[in-house]
Amino acid sequence: MWDSNNSSSGQPSNMSSVSAAECVSVSVVFPVTMMVTGIVGNTLALLLVYRSYHKKENKRKKSFLLIIGALALTDLTGKLLISPVVISVYLTNRQWGRVDPSGALCAFFGVSMTTFGLCPLFLASAMAIERTLAIHAPHYYTNHITTRLTKLLVLSIWVSVVIFALLPTVGVGRYTLQWPGTWCFINTGSQILGNTIFASTFTVLGIASLLVTLSCNVATIRGLVVRCKNKISSANKQWERITVETLIQLMGIMCVLCVCWSPLLVLMLKMIYTESSSDHCYTSPDKPSSPSTELQHNCNFFLIAIRLASLNQILDPWVYLLFREILLRKVCQVANAVTNCSVEGFKEIPVTVEGRGHLKEQLT
């Protein structure tokens, strides 16, 4: 079912791709829509982070704001670099060779896909760890998590991921054209040891990052619930209300990450294990091919998996910042009515998240 034969140039040789009629999900509407929505959402997030970062009352939130700003900048850059290439290939009737006759663009596209895939995952893990430290180790967080350390962490994530993504350009790993001939990504079907190691490392890093994020968010949720139960004051109902909103946000973050990344990472594990590749989506006239329905299913599933991963770049600013701003606007009005005594009680929790009003500043 999975054909692992590939051409040396990273593009199918003497093969004709499954027609668009056999794969109804192939359309330029998808990349155009994802590019526009991704640019709008991440631009709004950057503007909001920039405004909040320079407010005097947000000094203790700067570490979080730096990370979420880096995430928005990473997602925005990814959309600006990747989407125009996909759209241009669609406009040439999915003939990659017309856009990239030398094959250099395929390598650039693969590097970009790897970089802007792993960076958001690592930054999400960094934010989850920051959030957990703020709740479970407030004194350590206050004394050790500085803006300088945060900047070094973000820079190290960017640099290390770019170096890793460039490994195929020096022979460790390989980027090849993927179905429906509009994007390039890691080849998983090669029997060469270096290619297998590179593809496996990408998958393991992605899964490890997901597990770290989920574990830290679960720990944060537990910490918030414990603090909520221990609150014995007239403001307990207000605290419970804000805690519920925060738990919803954390659950949303975990659901988005799992839904967007699990299909692709699990599929890549399967393809690495079976030494298969998405190049099976291109059929050769002189070789028998799988039934059209089976071929269509495989092609569509891999395409949907990568689109779900790309969707994460669109949803990131909303689940981390913008959607929370909308959800808690009403709660902020309640927060302003809370007594000074209640507000002082909330201040024992470190500030790690963007928001308005005193209560929002105290929770992640």
Protein backbone atom coordinates (compact mmCIF):
# COMPACT_ATOMS: atom_id res chain seq x y z
CA MET A 1 0.00 0.00 0.00
CA TRP A 2 2.88 2.37 0.79
CA ASP A 3 5.35 2.72 -2.10
CA SER A 4 8.78 3.78 -0.80
CA ASN A 5 10.48 4.40 -4.16
CA ASN A 6 11.72 7.98 -4.56
CA SER A 7 13.65 9.93 -7.14
CA SER A 8 17.03 11.36 -6.26
CA SER A 9 15.88 14.90 -6.84
CA GLY A 10 13.16 14.65 -4.23
CA GLN A 11 10.44 14.80 -6.87
CA PRO A 12 8.62 11.86 -8.43
CA SER A 13 10.37 10.68 -11.59
CA ASN A 14 8.30 9.64 -14.61
CA MET A 15 5.19 9.57 -12.47
CA SER A 16 1.81 11.15 -12.81
CA SER A 17 0.03 12.29 -9.68
CA VAL A 18 -3.46 11.32 -8.69
CA SER A 19 -5.79 13.74 -10.41
CA ALA A 20 -7.52 16.46 -8.48
CA ALA A 21 -10.83 14.84 -9.37
CA GLU A 22 -9.77 11.76 -7.34
CA CYS A 23 -8.84 13.90 -4.36
CA VAL A 24 -11.48 16.53 -3.79
CA SER A 25 -9.56 18.04 -0.84
CA VAL A 26 -6.93 19.46 -3.22
CA SER A 27 -7.80 23.12 -3.68
CA VAL A 28 -6.01 26.46 -3.55
CA VAL A 29 -8.80 27.72 -1.28
CA PHE A 30 -7.27 25.92 1.70
CA PRO A 31 -3.79 27.52 1.63
CA VAL A 32 -5.22 30.96 0.81
CA THR A 33 -7.70 30.80 3.70
CA MET A 34 -5.09 29.50 6.14
CA MET A 35 -2.58 32.17 5.13
CA VAL A 36 -5.03 35.05 5.58
CA THR A 37 -6.42 33.84 8.89
CA GLY A 38 -2.95 33.02 10.20
CA ILE A 39 -1.56 36.44 9.32
CA VAL A 40 -4.52 38.29 10.83
CA GLY A 41 -4.59 36.33 14.09
CA ASN A 42 -0.85 36.41 14.73
CA THR A 43 -0.58 40.09 13.81
CA LEU A 44 -3.31 40.94 16.32
CA ALA A 45 -1.53 38.86 18.93
CA LEU A 46 1.78 40.64 18.29
CA LEU A 47 0.14 44.05 18.61
CA LEU A 48 -1.54 43.05 21.86
CA VAL A 49 1.68 41.61 23.29
CA TYR A 50 3.67 44.70 22.27
CA ARG A 51 1.16 47.00 23.95
CA SER A 52 1.04 44.92 27.12
CA TYR A 53 4.80 44.42 27.34
CA HIS A 54 5.42 48.17 27.66
CA LYS A 55 2.88 48.72 30.43
CA LYS A 56 4.45 49.38 33.81
CA GLU A 57 1.94 47.22 35.65
CA ASN A 58 2.95 44.19 33.54
CA LYS A 59 6.57 43.95 34.74
CA ARG A 60 6.04 40.56 36.36
CA LYS A 61 4.38 39.21 33.19
CA LYS A 62 7.20 40.04 30.80
CA SER A 63 8.63 36.51 30.68
CA PHE A 64 5.30 35.09 29.59
CA LEU A 65 4.72 37.93 27.15
CA LEU A 66 8.15 37.36 25.59
CA ILE A 67 7.40 33.69 24.97
CA ILE A 68 3.92 34.24 23.58
CA GLY A 69 5.26 37.09 21.44
CA ALA A 70 7.95 34.76 20.10
CA LEU A 71 5.29 32.16 19.36
CA ALA A 72 3.15 34.66 17.44
CA LEU A 73 6.20 35.94 15.53
CA THR A 74 7.25 32.38 14.67
CA ASP A 75 3.79 31.43 13.43
CA LEU A 76 3.47 34.65 11.43
CA THR A 77 6.88 34.18 9.80
CA GLY A 78 6.01 30.60 8.94
CA LYS A 79 2.83 31.66 7.19
CA LEU A 80 4.61 34.42 5.27
CA LEU A 81 7.37 32.08 4.04
CA ILE A 82 5.43 28.88 3.35
CA SER A 83 1.95 29.83 2.15
CA PRO A 84 3.00 31.95 -0.89
CA VAL A 85 5.03 29.01 -2.24
CA VAL A 86 2.07 26.64 -1.92
CA ILE A 87 -0.28 29.11 -3.57
CA SER A 88 2.12 29.75 -6.47
CA VAL A 89 2.41 26.00 -7.13
CA TYR A 90 -1.37 25.64 -7.12
CA LEU A 91 -1.58 28.46 -9.67
CA THR A 92 0.72 26.47 -11.98
CA ASN A 93 -1.72 23.54 -11.82
CA ARG A 94 0.40 21.81 -9.17
CA GLN A 95 3.45 21.51 -11.42
CA TRP A 96 6.26 21.96 -8.90
CA GLY A 97 8.93 21.69 -11.58
CA ARG A 98 7.77 24.95 -13.17
CA VAL A 99 8.23 26.83 -9.91
CA ASP A 100 11.33 24.95 -8.74
CA PRO A 101 13.28 23.54 -11.68
CA SER A 102 16.53 23.29 -9.66
CA GLY A 103 15.01 21.60 -6.60
CA ALA A 104 16.45 24.24 -4.24
CA LEU A 105 13.00 25.55 -3.32
CA CYS A 106 11.97 22.08 -2.17
CA ALA A 107 14.88 22.03 0.29
CA PHE A 108 13.99 25.53 1.52
CA PHE A 109 10.36 24.51 1.92
CA GLY A 110 11.33 21.41 3.89
CA VAL A 111 13.58 23.42 6.19
CA SER A 112 10.77 25.92 6.76
CA MET A 113 8.21 23.20 7.48
CA THR A 114 10.51 21.55 10.01
CA THR A 115 11.52 24.84 11.65
CA PHE A 116 8.05 26.31 11.94
CA GLY A 117 6.69 22.96 13.06
CA LEU A 118 9.07 22.28 15.94
CA CYS A 119 9.52 25.87 17.15
CA PRO A 120 5.86 26.39 18.12
CA LEU A 121 5.84 23.03 19.89
CA PHE A 122 8.96 23.90 21.90
CA LEU A 123 7.66 27.39 22.71
CA ALA A 124 4.35 25.88 23.86
CA SER A 125 6.33 23.58 26.16
CA ALA A 126 8.30 26.55 27.49
CA MET A 127 5.06 28.41 28.28
CA ALA A 128 3.61 25.34 29.98
CA ILE A 129 6.72 24.97 32.15
CA GLU A 130 6.66 28.68 32.98
CA ARG A 131 3.02 28.42 33.98
CA THR A 132 3.67 25.38 36.19
CA LEU A 133 6.60 27.04 37.97
CA ALA A 134 4.50 30.13 38.62
CA ILE A 135 1.81 28.06 40.34
CA HIS A 136 3.85 25.37 42.13
CA ALA A 137 7.11 27.23 42.83
CA PRO A 138 6.24 30.94 43.09
CA HIS A 139 9.36 31.94 45.05
CA TYR A 140 11.70 30.20 42.60
CA TYR A 141 9.78 31.69 39.70
CA THR A 142 10.03 35.23 41.09
CA ASN A 143 13.76 34.98 41.84
CA HIS A 144 15.05 33.05 38.84
CA ILE A 145 12.73 33.45 35.82
CA THR A 146 13.95 36.75 34.40
CA THR A 147 13.42 38.40 31.03
CA ARG A 148 17.09 37.85 30.19
CA LEU A 149 16.77 34.12 30.81
CA THR A 150 13.57 34.03 28.77
CA LYS A 151 15.22 35.78 25.82
CA LEU A 152 18.12 33.30 25.92
CA LEU A 153 15.66 30.41 26.02
CA VAL A 154 13.68 31.68 23.03
CA LEU A 155 16.86 32.37 21.05
CA SER A 156 18.27 28.93 21.85
CA ILE A 157 15.04 27.28 20.67
CA TRP A 158 15.12 29.17 17.38
CA VAL A 159 18.81 28.48 16.72
CA SER A 160 18.79 24.80 17.69
CA VAL A 161 15.69 24.04 15.61
CA VAL A 162 17.09 25.83 12.54
CA ILE A 163 20.35 23.87 12.86
CA PHE A 164 18.40 20.63 13.12
CA ALA A 165 16.22 21.53 10.12
CA LEU A 166 19.33 22.21 8.01
CA LEU A 167 20.76 18.72 8.54
CA PRO A 168 19.26 17.31 5.29
CA THR A 169 21.17 19.98 3.35
CA VAL A 170 24.41 18.35 4.51
CA GLY A 171 23.28 14.79 3.85
CA VAL A 172 21.60 13.78 7.12
CA GLY A 173 17.97 13.26 6.22
CA ARG A 174 16.08 14.24 3.09
CA TYR A 175 13.25 16.52 1.99
CA THR A 176 11.04 15.26 -0.84
CA LEU A 177 7.96 16.45 -2.71
CA GLN A 178 4.73 15.36 -1.05
CA TRP A 179 1.17 14.82 -2.26
CA PRO A 180 -0.43 16.64 -4.06
CA GLY A 181 2.86 18.05 -5.36
CA THR A 182 2.52 21.44 -3.64
CA TRP A 183 4.83 21.06 -0.63
CA CYS A 184 8.01 19.32 0.53
CA PHE A 185 8.68 17.60 3.81
CA ILE A 186 10.79 14.93 5.51
CA ASN A 187 11.11 11.68 3.58
CA THR A 188 10.17 8.73 5.79
CA GLY A 189 10.47 5.85 3.32
CA SER A 190 14.20 5.78 2.67
CA GLN A 191 16.24 2.84 3.95
CA ILE A 192 19.29 5.08 4.40
CA LEU A 193 20.25 5.23 8.08
CA GLY A 194 20.75 9.01 8.18
CA ASN A 195 17.31 9.66 6.69
CA THR A 196 15.65 7.30 9.15
CA ILE A 197 17.44 8.90 12.10
CA PHE A 198 16.43 12.40 11.01
CA ALA A 199 12.77 11.51 10.47
CA SER A 200 12.67 9.58 13.75
CA THR A 201 14.29 12.44 15.66
CA PHE A 202 11.73 14.92 14.34
CA THR A 203 8.88 12.65 15.39
CA VAL A 204 10.33 11.92 18.83
CA LEU A 205 10.99 15.60 19.49
CA GLY A 206 7.43 16.47 18.49
CA ILE A 207 5.89 13.78 20.68
CA ALA A 208 8.16 14.64 23.64
CA SER A 209 7.20 18.30 23.33
CA LEU A 210 3.51 17.41 23.32
CA LEU A 211 3.91 15.22 26.40
CA VAL A 212 5.78 17.95 28.30
CA THR A 213 3.10 20.51 27.47
CA LEU A 214 0.25 18.21 28.43
CA SER A 215 1.94 17.11 31.68
CA CYS A 216 2.70 20.68 32.76
CA ASN A 217 -0.81 21.88 31.94
CA VAL A 218 -2.31 19.02 33.94
CA ALA A 219 -0.05 19.95 36.87
CA THR A 220 -1.13 23.59 36.54
CA ILE A 221 -4.80 22.62 36.49
CA ARG A 222 -4.31 20.55 39.63
CA GLY A 223 -2.55 23.45 41.35
CA LEU A 224 -5.34 25.85 40.44
CA VAL A 225 -8.03 23.48 41.70
CA VAL A 226 -6.21 22.99 45.01
CA ARG A 227 -5.82 26.75 45.49
CA CYS A 228 -9.46 27.29 44.63
CA LYS A 229 -10.58 24.74 47.23
CA ASN A 230 -8.33 26.30 49.88
CA LYS A 231 -9.74 29.79 49.35
CA ILE A 232 -11.96 30.70 52.28
CA SER A 233 -13.05 34.30 51.79
CA SER A 234 -15.87 36.42 50.50
CA ALA A 235 -14.14 36.45 47.14
CA ASN A 236 -14.16 32.67 46.83
CA LYS A 237 -16.90 32.75 44.19
CA GLN A 238 -14.94 35.24 42.12
CA TRP A 239 -11.82 33.08 42.44
CA GLU A 240 -13.78 29.99 41.41
CA ARG A 241 -15.17 31.81 38.40
CA ILE A 242 -11.75 32.90 37.17
CA THR A 243 -10.30 29.45 37.87
CA VAL A 244 -12.97 27.83 35.71
CA GLU A 245 -12.17 30.21 32.86
CA THR A 246 -8.47 29.40 33.18
CA LEU A 247 -9.12 25.66 33.25
CA ILE A 248 -11.19 25.98 30.08
CA GLN A 249 -8.29 27.78 28.40
CA LEU A 250 -5.76 25.13 29.47
CA MET A 251 -8.05 22.34 28.30
CA GLY A 252 -8.48 24.17 25.01
CA ILE A 253 -4.71 24.42 24.58
CA MET A 254 -4.27 20.70 25.19
CA CYS A 255 -7.11 19.77 22.84
CA VAL A 256 -5.77 22.00 20.06
CA LEU A 257 -2.25 20.59 20.35
CA CYS A 258 -3.46 16.98 20.38
CA VAL A 259 -5.91 17.40 17.50
CA CYS A 260 -3.47 19.38 15.35
CA TRP A 261 -0.28 17.36 15.88
CA SER A 262 -1.18 13.81 16.93
CA PRO A 263 -2.39 12.64 13.48
CA LEU A 264 0.80 13.75 11.72
CA LEU A 265 3.20 12.46 14.38
CA VAL A 266 1.43 9.11 14.68
CA LEU A 267 1.30 8.76 10.89
CA MET A 268 5.02 9.56 10.61
CA LEU A 269 5.80 6.90 13.23
CA LYS A 270 3.85 4.38 11.18
CA MET A 271 5.58 5.41 7.97
CA ILE A 272 9.04 5.21 9.57
CA TYR A 273 8.28 1.79 11.03
CA THR A 274 6.99 0.43 7.72
CA GLU A 275 9.70 2.26 5.72
CA SER A 276 7.02 3.92 3.65
CA SER A 277 6.56 7.39 2.21
CA SER A 278 3.84 9.65 0.89
CA ASP A 279 5.43 9.23 -2.54
CA HIS A 280 2.99 6.32 -2.88
CA CYS A 281 0.49 9.00 -3.83
CA TYR A 282 2.23 9.24 -7.20
CA THR A 283 1.56 6.27 -9.47
CA SER A 284 3.76 5.06 -12.29
CA PRO A 285 2.15 4.05 -15.58
CA ASP A 286 4.36 0.98 -15.90
CA LYS A 287 3.61 -0.28 -12.37
CA PRO A 288 0.36 -1.58 -11.00
CA SER A 289 -1.23 0.87 -8.61
CA SER A 290 -3.49 0.46 -5.62
CA PRO A 291 -7.24 0.75 -6.12
CA SER A 292 -8.21 4.35 -6.65
CA THR A 293 -10.34 4.47 -3.51
CA GLU A 294 -7.51 3.18 -1.33
CA LEU A 295 -5.02 5.53 -2.95
CA GLN A 296 -7.38 8.45 -2.51
CA HIS A 297 -7.85 7.60 1.18
CA ASN A 298 -4.11 7.46 1.86
CA CYS A 299 -3.40 10.67 -0.02
CA ASN A 300 -6.20 12.55 1.66
CA PHE A 301 -5.26 11.34 5.14
CA PHE A 302 -1.67 12.52 4.87
CA LEU A 303 -2.75 15.83 3.39
CA ILE A 304 -5.31 16.34 6.17
CA ALA A 305 -2.68 15.50 8.80
CA ILE A 306 -0.26 18.16 7.58
CA ARG A 307 -3.08 20.70 7.25
CA LEU A 308 -4.09 20.04 10.83
CA ALA A 309 -0.51 20.67 11.94
CA SER A 310 -0.51 23.90 9.95
CA LEU A 311 -3.83 24.84 11.53
CA ASN A 312 -2.03 25.02 14.87
CA GLN A 313 -0.26 28.19 13.67
CA ILE A 314 -3.66 29.79 13.13
CA LEU A 315 -5.18 28.70 16.44
CA ASP A 316 -2.16 29.50 18.65
CA PRO A 317 -2.83 33.24 19.11
CA TRP A 318 -6.51 32.58 19.83
CA VAL A 319 -6.16 29.84 22.42
CA TYR A 320 -3.24 31.57 24.16
CA LEU A 321 -4.29 35.21 24.04
CA LEU A 322 -7.05 36.60 21.86
CA PHE A 323 -9.84 34.19 22.75
CA ARG A 324 -9.00 34.54 26.43
CA GLU A 325 -9.29 38.31 26.09
CA ILE A 326 -12.81 37.91 24.76
CA LEU A 327 -13.83 35.28 27.30
CA LEU A 328 -12.64 37.21 30.34
CA ARG A 329 -13.89 40.64 29.38
CA LYS A 330 -17.07 40.10 31.34
CA VAL A 331 -15.16 38.61 34.26
CA CYS A 332 -12.94 41.69 34.38
CA GLN A 333 -15.97 43.81 35.10
CA VAL A 334 -16.65 41.61 38.10
CA ALA A 335 -12.99 41.78 39.12
CA ASN A 336 -13.09 45.56 39.31
CA ALA A 337 -15.89 45.31 41.85
CA VAL A 338 -13.94 42.99 44.17
CA THR A 339 -12.76 44.61 47.43
CA ASN A 340 -9.15 45.62 47.97
CA CYS A 341 -8.82 42.85 50.51
CA SER A 342 -9.84 40.25 47.97
CA VAL A 343 -7.45 41.62 45.40
CA GLU A 344 -4.60 41.43 47.89
CA GLY A 345 -5.48 37.81 48.48
CA PHE A 346 -5.13 37.08 44.77
CA LYS A 347 -1.72 38.71 44.57
CA GLU A 348 -0.05 35.76 46.22
CA ILE A 349 -0.14 34.01 42.85
CA PRO A 350 2.56 35.11 40.37
CA VAL A 351 1.47 36.93 37.27
CA THR A 352 2.14 34.94 34.09
CA VAL A 353 -0.60 35.71 31.64
CA GLU A 354 -1.88 38.63 29.61
CA GLY A 355 -5.18 40.12 30.58
CA ARG A 356 -7.05 43.06 31.92
CA GLY A 357 -7.86 43.84 35.53
CA HIS A 358 -6.21 42.57 38.67
CA LEU A 359 -7.76 39.11 38.69
CA LYS A 360 -6.68 38.24 35.15
CA GLU A 361 -3.13 39.20 35.97
CA GLN A 362 -2.97 36.54 38.65
CA LEU A 363 -3.81 33.45 36.63
CA THR A 364 -2.59 31.46 33.69
